[in-house]
Amino acid sequence: MLKFEDLNARNSTILTIEGEEYRTTQDPHISDDGETYQAHALNTDNEEFLITWDITNNETTDESEACDWDSPIGIMAI
């Protein structure tokens, strides 16, 4: 399993939320209900979280434009 220090801008989405850095361990993907994107992530203590983004552009085929990737709508410890 990857650790926080193994993740970087080339293999992870890096976010700072409320002063804490998170790094995704997988590419964000559409949730089961199709309403959001989500990805598992780690914080600096290697604790696992689920980060969620609202889909802001349903019309695009380019996933880089599907959400405001800098502004997730939720983060939950798992």
N, C-alpha and C. Protein backbone atom coordinates (compact mmCIF):
# COMPACT_ATOMS: atom_id res chain seq x y z
N MET A 1 0.83 -1.18 0.00
CA MET A 1 0.00 0.00 0.00
C MET A 1 0.88 1.25 0.00
N LEU A 2 0.45 2.25 -0.75
CA LEU A 2 1.20 3.49 -0.82
C LEU A 2 1.13 4.25 0.50
N LYS A 3 2.19 4.98 0.78
CA LYS A 3 2.23 5.86 1.94
C LYS A 3 2.25 7.30 1.44
N PHE A 4 1.91 8.22 2.33
CA PHE A 4 1.83 9.64 1.99
C PHE A 4 3.09 10.09 1.25
N GLU A 5 4.26 9.71 1.77
CA GLU A 5 5.52 10.18 1.18
C GLU A 5 5.80 9.57 -0.20
N ASP A 6 5.10 8.50 -0.57
CA ASP A 6 5.25 7.90 -1.90
C ASP A 6 4.46 8.66 -2.97
N LEU A 7 3.54 9.50 -2.54
CA LEU A 7 2.64 10.19 -3.45
C LEU A 7 3.17 11.58 -3.78
N ASN A 8 3.02 11.97 -5.05
CA ASN A 8 3.49 13.29 -5.48
C ASN A 8 2.60 13.78 -6.62
N ALA A 9 2.92 14.93 -7.18
CA ALA A 9 2.08 15.54 -8.22
C ALA A 9 1.97 14.67 -9.47
N ARG A 10 2.90 13.77 -9.69
CA ARG A 10 2.84 12.90 -10.87
C ARG A 10 1.91 11.71 -10.70
N ASN A 11 1.70 11.27 -9.46
CA ASN A 11 0.87 10.07 -9.26
C ASN A 11 -0.30 10.30 -8.31
N SER A 12 -0.60 11.58 -8.03
CA SER A 12 -1.64 11.88 -7.05
C SER A 12 -2.20 13.28 -7.29
N THR A 13 -3.44 13.48 -6.86
CA THR A 13 -4.00 14.82 -6.76
C THR A 13 -3.71 15.30 -5.35
N ILE A 14 -3.05 16.45 -5.22
CA ILE A 14 -2.66 16.96 -3.91
C ILE A 14 -3.56 18.14 -3.56
N LEU A 15 -4.17 18.06 -2.39
CA LEU A 15 -5.10 19.10 -1.93
C LEU A 15 -4.73 19.55 -0.53
N THR A 16 -4.95 20.83 -0.26
CA THR A 16 -4.86 21.34 1.11
C THR A 16 -6.25 21.76 1.52
N ILE A 17 -6.76 21.13 2.56
CA ILE A 17 -8.11 21.39 3.05
C ILE A 17 -8.00 21.76 4.52
N GLU A 18 -8.46 22.97 4.84
CA GLU A 18 -8.41 23.47 6.22
C GLU A 18 -7.01 23.32 6.81
N GLY A 19 -5.99 23.62 6.01
CA GLY A 19 -4.61 23.61 6.47
C GLY A 19 -3.94 22.26 6.49
N GLU A 20 -4.64 21.20 6.14
CA GLU A 20 -4.05 19.86 6.13
C GLU A 20 -3.90 19.36 4.69
N GLU A 21 -2.76 18.76 4.39
CA GLU A 21 -2.51 18.25 3.04
C GLU A 21 -3.00 16.81 2.91
N TYR A 22 -3.66 16.55 1.78
CA TYR A 22 -4.14 15.22 1.43
C TYR A 22 -3.62 14.87 0.05
N ARG A 23 -3.31 13.61 -0.16
CA ARG A 23 -2.84 13.13 -1.47
C ARG A 23 -3.67 11.91 -1.84
N THR A 24 -4.27 11.96 -3.03
CA THR A 24 -5.12 10.84 -3.45
C THR A 24 -4.27 9.62 -3.78
N THR A 25 -4.82 8.45 -3.46
CA THR A 25 -4.15 7.18 -3.73
C THR A 25 -4.71 6.51 -4.98
N GLN A 26 -5.68 7.17 -5.60
CA GLN A 26 -6.29 6.65 -6.82
C GLN A 26 -6.81 7.84 -7.62
N ASP A 27 -7.04 7.64 -8.90
CA ASP A 27 -7.66 8.69 -9.70
C ASP A 27 -9.09 8.88 -9.25
N PRO A 28 -9.55 10.13 -9.16
CA PRO A 28 -10.96 10.35 -8.85
C PRO A 28 -11.85 9.65 -9.88
N HIS A 29 -12.97 9.10 -9.41
CA HIS A 29 -13.88 8.38 -10.29
C HIS A 29 -15.32 8.74 -9.93
N ILE A 30 -16.23 8.50 -10.86
CA ILE A 30 -17.63 8.81 -10.62
C ILE A 30 -18.18 7.89 -9.54
N SER A 31 -18.93 8.46 -8.62
CA SER A 31 -19.55 7.67 -7.55
C SER A 31 -20.62 6.75 -8.10
N ASP A 32 -21.03 5.80 -7.29
CA ASP A 32 -22.05 4.83 -7.73
C ASP A 32 -23.36 5.50 -8.14
N ASP A 33 -23.71 6.62 -7.48
CA ASP A 33 -24.96 7.30 -7.83
C ASP A 33 -24.81 8.26 -9.01
N GLY A 34 -23.57 8.46 -9.49
CA GLY A 34 -23.32 9.32 -10.64
C GLY A 34 -23.41 10.80 -10.37
N GLU A 35 -23.54 11.19 -9.10
CA GLU A 35 -23.72 12.60 -8.75
C GLU A 35 -22.41 13.32 -8.43
N THR A 36 -21.37 12.57 -8.07
CA THR A 36 -20.12 13.17 -7.64
C THR A 36 -18.94 12.35 -8.15
N TYR A 37 -17.76 12.93 -8.01
CA TYR A 37 -16.51 12.18 -8.17
C TYR A 37 -15.97 11.95 -6.78
N GLN A 38 -15.22 10.87 -6.60
CA GLN A 38 -14.62 10.59 -5.30
C GLN A 38 -13.29 9.87 -5.48
N ALA A 39 -12.45 9.97 -4.46
CA ALA A 39 -11.16 9.27 -4.46
C ALA A 39 -10.70 9.07 -3.03
N HIS A 40 -10.02 7.98 -2.80
CA HIS A 40 -9.39 7.74 -1.50
C HIS A 40 -8.12 8.58 -1.45
N ALA A 41 -7.77 9.01 -0.24
CA ALA A 41 -6.60 9.86 -0.05
C ALA A 41 -5.99 9.58 1.32
N LEU A 42 -4.75 10.03 1.47
CA LEU A 42 -4.04 9.93 2.75
C LEU A 42 -3.66 11.31 3.24
N ASN A 43 -3.63 11.48 4.58
CA ASN A 43 -3.07 12.70 5.14
C ASN A 43 -1.63 12.42 5.55
N THR A 44 -0.98 13.41 6.16
CA THR A 44 0.44 13.26 6.51
C THR A 44 0.69 12.16 7.54
N ASP A 45 -0.35 11.75 8.27
CA ASP A 45 -0.23 10.66 9.25
C ASP A 45 -0.60 9.31 8.64
N ASN A 46 -0.77 9.26 7.32
CA ASN A 46 -1.16 8.06 6.58
C ASN A 46 -2.53 7.53 6.99
N GLU A 47 -3.40 8.42 7.47
CA GLU A 47 -4.79 8.06 7.75
C GLU A 47 -5.57 8.19 6.45
N GLU A 48 -6.53 7.28 6.23
CA GLU A 48 -7.25 7.23 4.96
C GLU A 48 -8.55 8.03 5.02
N PHE A 49 -8.82 8.72 3.92
CA PHE A 49 -10.00 9.56 3.79
C PHE A 49 -10.65 9.32 2.43
N LEU A 50 -11.91 9.69 2.32
CA LEU A 50 -12.62 9.71 1.05
C LEU A 50 -12.94 11.17 0.74
N ILE A 51 -12.42 11.65 -0.39
CA ILE A 51 -12.66 13.03 -0.82
C ILE A 51 -13.71 13.00 -1.92
N THR A 52 -14.64 13.95 -1.86
CA THR A 52 -15.76 14.01 -2.81
C THR A 52 -15.80 15.38 -3.48
N TRP A 53 -16.04 15.38 -4.79
CA TRP A 53 -16.19 16.60 -5.58
C TRP A 53 -17.54 16.61 -6.26
N ASP A 54 -18.15 17.78 -6.34
CA ASP A 54 -19.41 17.96 -7.06
C ASP A 54 -19.10 18.03 -8.56
N ILE A 55 -19.92 17.39 -9.37
CA ILE A 55 -19.78 17.49 -10.82
C ILE A 55 -20.33 18.85 -11.24
N THR A 56 -19.48 19.68 -11.83
CA THR A 56 -19.89 21.02 -12.22
C THR A 56 -20.13 21.16 -13.72
N ASN A 57 -19.69 20.16 -14.50
CA ASN A 57 -19.86 20.22 -15.94
C ASN A 57 -20.24 18.83 -16.45
N ASN A 58 -21.53 18.57 -16.52
CA ASN A 58 -22.02 17.27 -16.98
C ASN A 58 -21.85 17.05 -18.47
N GLU A 59 -21.62 18.11 -19.22
CA GLU A 59 -21.57 18.03 -20.68
C GLU A 59 -20.19 17.65 -21.22
N THR A 60 -19.16 17.81 -20.44
CA THR A 60 -17.81 17.59 -20.94
C THR A 60 -17.46 16.10 -21.02
N THR A 61 -16.62 15.77 -21.96
CA THR A 61 -16.06 14.42 -22.04
C THR A 61 -14.63 14.40 -21.48
N ASP A 62 -14.13 15.59 -21.12
CA ASP A 62 -12.80 15.74 -20.54
C ASP A 62 -12.95 15.79 -19.02
N GLU A 63 -12.56 14.71 -18.34
CA GLU A 63 -12.74 14.63 -16.89
C GLU A 63 -12.00 15.74 -16.15
N SER A 64 -10.96 16.31 -16.75
CA SER A 64 -10.25 17.39 -16.07
C SER A 64 -11.12 18.63 -15.93
N GLU A 65 -12.21 18.70 -16.70
CA GLU A 65 -13.12 19.84 -16.65
C GLU A 65 -14.46 19.49 -15.98
N ALA A 66 -14.58 18.28 -15.46
CA ALA A 66 -15.86 17.82 -14.89
C ALA A 66 -16.16 18.41 -13.52
N CYS A 67 -15.12 18.75 -12.77
CA CYS A 67 -15.29 19.24 -11.39
C CYS A 67 -14.34 20.40 -11.14
N ASP A 68 -14.60 21.13 -10.06
CA ASP A 68 -13.63 22.10 -9.57
C ASP A 68 -12.72 21.33 -8.62
N TRP A 69 -11.64 20.79 -9.17
CA TRP A 69 -10.79 19.86 -8.44
C TRP A 69 -10.12 20.49 -7.23
N ASP A 70 -10.02 21.83 -7.20
CA ASP A 70 -9.41 22.50 -6.05
C ASP A 70 -10.39 22.73 -4.91
N SER A 71 -11.67 22.41 -5.14
CA SER A 71 -12.71 22.69 -4.14
C SER A 71 -13.61 21.49 -3.90
N PRO A 72 -13.11 20.48 -3.18
CA PRO A 72 -13.97 19.33 -2.89
C PRO A 72 -15.14 19.74 -1.99
N ILE A 73 -16.22 18.98 -2.10
CA ILE A 73 -17.40 19.29 -1.28
C ILE A 73 -17.44 18.47 0.01
N GLY A 74 -16.55 17.49 0.13
CA GLY A 74 -16.56 16.69 1.34
C GLY A 74 -15.29 15.90 1.52
N ILE A 75 -14.99 15.63 2.78
CA ILE A 75 -13.88 14.74 3.12
C ILE A 75 -14.30 13.97 4.37
N MET A 76 -14.11 12.65 4.31
CA MET A 76 -14.58 11.79 5.39
C MET A 76 -13.50 10.76 5.73
N ALA A 77 -13.19 10.62 6.99
CA ALA A 77 -12.26 9.59 7.44
C ALA A 77 -12.88 8.22 7.21
N ILE A 78 -12.08 7.27 6.73
CA ILE A 78 -12.58 5.90 6.53
C ILE A 78 -11.66 4.90 7.19
